[in-house]
Amino acid sequence: MPVRVVSVAGMPYNVQIWVEDCDDGDFNIYIDKSLIKDDGALALQEIFNSTITCWKRLDGPMVRTALRAVTG
């Protein structure tokens, strides 16, 4: 499951980091340019892809409750 890290500008609602769990099994991580530059994003992407052996997708009431607490 590949991880893609992208440095972006102009995310809405002052979001600084957004993780997208794609249907194809990939993860996209968008990080605001004020936190990380393009070369840092690429380095982080390489680190994730070389060290992550298994990510588990969680589901259920506990996860939805936690998301509600974070996102409102």
Protein backbone atom coordinates (compact mmCIF):
# COMPACT_ATOMS: atom_id res chain seq x y z
CA MET A 1 0.00 0.00 0.00
CA PRO A 2 1.91 3.04 -1.25
CA VAL A 3 1.93 6.34 0.60
CA ARG A 4 2.10 9.59 -1.37
CA VAL A 5 3.06 12.80 0.48
CA VAL A 6 2.32 16.14 -1.19
CA SER A 7 3.15 19.68 -0.07
CA VAL A 8 0.15 21.88 -0.89
CA ALA A 9 -1.09 25.43 -0.39
CA GLY A 10 -4.54 26.78 0.21
CA MET A 11 -6.36 23.96 1.97
CA PRO A 12 -9.76 25.10 3.27
CA TYR A 13 -10.70 25.77 6.90
CA ASN A 14 -7.05 26.19 8.00
CA VAL A 15 -6.42 22.46 7.60
CA GLN A 16 -2.69 21.76 7.77
CA ILE A 17 -2.58 17.98 7.29
CA TRP A 18 -5.11 15.81 5.47
CA VAL A 19 -4.83 12.04 5.00
CA GLU A 20 -6.86 10.40 2.26
CA ASP A 21 -7.46 6.65 2.45
CA CYS A 22 -8.11 5.79 -1.19
CA ASP A 23 -10.26 2.92 -2.43
CA ASP A 24 -7.30 1.40 -4.28
CA GLY A 25 -5.39 0.90 -1.02
CA ASP A 26 -3.09 3.91 -1.34
CA PHE A 27 -2.77 6.72 1.15
CA ASN A 28 -2.36 10.36 0.11
CA ILE A 29 -1.03 12.73 2.76
CA TYR A 30 -1.43 16.43 2.02
CA ILE A 31 0.68 18.76 4.20
CA ASP A 32 0.48 22.55 4.14
CA LYS A 33 3.50 24.27 2.60
CA SER A 34 3.99 26.23 5.82
CA LEU A 35 4.88 22.94 7.55
CA ILE A 36 6.87 21.14 4.85
CA LYS A 37 8.38 21.97 1.46
CA ASP A 38 8.36 19.80 -1.68
CA ASP A 39 11.73 18.18 -0.96
CA GLY A 40 10.69 17.43 2.63
CA ALA A 41 7.44 15.88 1.41
CA LEU A 42 9.34 13.65 -1.00
CA ALA A 43 11.76 12.61 1.76
CA LEU A 44 8.86 11.81 4.11
CA GLN A 45 7.19 9.82 1.35
CA GLU A 46 10.34 7.75 0.85
CA ILE A 47 10.62 7.15 4.60
CA PHE A 48 7.00 6.00 4.86
CA ASN A 49 7.25 3.73 1.84
CA SER A 50 10.49 2.12 3.00
CA THR A 51 9.51 1.56 6.64
CA ILE A 52 5.77 0.86 6.73
CA THR A 53 5.24 -2.88 6.70
CA CYS A 54 1.55 -2.97 7.49
CA TRP A 55 -1.09 -0.31 8.04
CA LYS A 56 -4.43 -1.48 9.33
CA ARG A 57 -7.61 0.31 8.40
CA LEU A 58 -9.82 0.75 11.44
CA ASP A 59 -13.59 0.94 11.35
CA GLY A 60 -16.37 0.87 13.84
CA PRO A 61 -18.05 3.15 16.38
CA MET A 62 -14.83 4.06 18.24
CA VAL A 63 -13.18 5.35 15.05
CA ARG A 64 -16.26 7.35 14.02
CA THR A 65 -16.49 8.86 17.52
CA ALA A 66 -12.83 9.88 17.36
CA LEU A 67 -13.28 11.44 13.91
CA ARG A 68 -16.31 13.38 15.13
CA ALA A 69 -14.27 14.65 18.09
CA VAL A 70 -11.52 15.88 15.79
CA THR A 71 -13.63 17.25 12.93
CA GLY A 72 -16.67 18.47 14.83
